[in-house]
C-alpha cells in the first residue's frame, strides 16, 4: 500500500477472501508485531461495489476526522469479520503514515 499523509482523510480498503459483504466487519491498526486489543477494533463497512464470488473489500475512513487517526509511523492493519460461528482475524498488511 502507498504511504498516506498524516494530514489526509481517505478510505483504506482491504480485500477479504470469502466475505459476502453482509457480515459485521471491524479494522484495527497496531504497532507491527502486536496483536490488537479489544479496544483497538473500529467499526468498518463493506464496499459493496467490490463484492464478488471471491470476497469483498472492507473499508474504513482513515485520517483526521475519520474513524481512525494515527500519527506518523508504520502500523499493522487487521480485519475481523463476525460470521457465526466463525470469527476470523486477518493480518491485512502494513501502512506507512508520513
Protein backbone atom coordinates (compact mmCIF):
# COMPACT_ATOMS: atom_id res chain seq x y z
CA UNK A 1 0.00 0.00 0.00
CA UNK A 2 1.19 3.50 -0.79
CA UNK A 3 2.07 5.72 2.20
CA UNK A 4 -0.68 8.05 3.41
CA UNK A 5 -0.11 11.58 4.68
CA UNK A 6 -0.94 12.18 8.34
CA UNK A 7 -2.98 15.17 7.05
CA UNK A 8 -5.07 13.08 4.63
CA UNK A 9 -8.54 11.63 5.28
CA UNK A 10 -9.39 8.80 2.89
CA UNK A 11 -10.90 5.35 2.60
CA UNK A 12 -8.46 2.49 3.24
CA UNK A 13 -9.65 -0.85 1.82
CA UNK A 14 -8.64 -4.48 2.42
CA UNK A 15 -9.90 -7.42 0.38
CA UNK A 16 -11.38 -10.26 2.46
CA UNK A 17 -11.50 -13.56 0.58
CA UNK A 18 -14.77 -15.43 1.08
CA UNK A 19 -16.68 -12.47 2.56
CA UNK A 20 -20.17 -11.81 1.23
CA UNK A 21 -20.22 -8.17 2.35
CA UNK A 22 -23.11 -8.75 4.76
CA UNK A 23 -21.08 -9.71 7.84
CA UNK A 24 -20.08 -7.35 10.65
CA UNK A 25 -16.56 -6.11 9.91
CA UNK A 26 -14.01 -4.24 12.03
CA UNK A 27 -10.50 -2.97 11.35
CA UNK A 28 -7.64 -2.30 13.79
CA UNK A 29 -4.21 -0.69 13.40
CA UNK A 30 -1.40 -1.70 15.78
CA UNK A 31 2.34 -1.48 16.13
CA UNK A 32 3.83 -4.13 13.80
CA UNK A 33 4.11 -7.48 15.58
CA UNK A 34 1.46 -6.58 18.18
CA UNK A 35 -1.96 -8.23 18.11
CA UNK A 36 -4.96 -5.92 18.58
CA UNK A 37 -6.70 -5.50 21.93
CA UNK A 38 -10.48 -5.34 22.04
CA UNK A 39 -10.28 -1.52 22.29
CA UNK A 40 -8.27 -1.33 19.02
CA UNK A 41 -11.16 -2.56 16.84
CA UNK A 42 -13.14 0.10 15.00
CA UNK A 43 -16.35 -0.40 13.02
CA UNK A 44 -15.71 -0.69 9.30
CA UNK A 45 -18.01 -1.18 6.34
CA UNK A 46 -18.10 -3.10 3.10
CA UNK A 47 -17.54 -1.54 -0.30
CA UNK A 48 -20.41 -3.42 -1.93
CA UNK A 49 -19.36 -2.28 -5.40
CA UNK A 50 -16.32 -4.56 -4.96
CA UNK A 51 -18.19 -7.67 -3.74
CA UNK A 52 -17.97 -10.71 -5.98
CA UNK A 53 -17.96 -14.50 -5.73
CA UNK A 54 -14.42 -14.40 -4.28
CA UNK A 55 -14.96 -11.85 -1.48
CA UNK A 56 -15.37 -8.16 -0.75
CA UNK A 57 -13.39 -5.09 0.30
CA UNK A 58 -13.68 -3.97 3.91
CA UNK A 59 -13.01 -0.26 4.27
CA UNK A 60 -12.54 2.38 6.96
CA UNK A 61 -12.20 6.17 6.83
CA UNK A 62 -8.60 6.82 7.91
CA UNK A 63 -7.14 10.17 8.98
CA UNK A 64 -8.13 13.34 10.85
CA UNK A 65 -11.90 13.43 11.29
CA UNK A 66 -12.23 9.81 10.13
CA UNK A 67 -12.96 6.65 12.09
CA UNK A 68 -9.24 6.08 12.79
CA UNK A 69 -6.41 8.61 13.13
CA UNK A 70 -2.74 7.69 13.58
CA UNK A 71 0.42 9.75 13.98
CA UNK A 72 3.34 9.32 11.58
CA UNK A 73 4.76 5.80 11.70
CA UNK A 74 4.21 2.27 10.42
CA UNK A 75 1.15 0.28 11.51
CA UNK A 76 -0.08 -3.29 11.08
CA UNK A 77 -3.66 -3.43 9.76
CA UNK A 78 -6.00 -6.19 10.92
CA UNK A 79 -9.51 -7.13 9.75
CA UNK A 80 -12.01 -9.01 11.93
CA UNK A 81 -15.17 -10.48 10.40
CA UNK A 82 -18.06 -11.72 12.53
CA UNK A 83 -19.63 -14.61 10.61
CA UNK A 84 -21.02 -17.03 13.23
CA UNK A 85 -19.77 -19.50 14.13
CA UNK A 86 -16.57 -18.09 12.62
CA UNK A 87 -14.64 -15.03 13.82
CA UNK A 88 -11.59 -14.73 11.56
CA UNK A 89 -8.92 -12.18 12.48
CA UNK A 90 -6.75 -11.45 9.45
CA UNK A 91 -3.46 -9.59 9.10
CA UNK A 92 -4.06 -7.15 6.26
CA UNK A 93 -0.62 -5.63 5.73
CA UNK A 94 1.39 -2.61 6.77
CA UNK A 95 0.51 1.04 6.29
CA UNK A 96 3.01 3.90 6.46
CA UNK A 97 1.70 7.23 7.70
CA UNK A 98 4.02 10.08 6.72
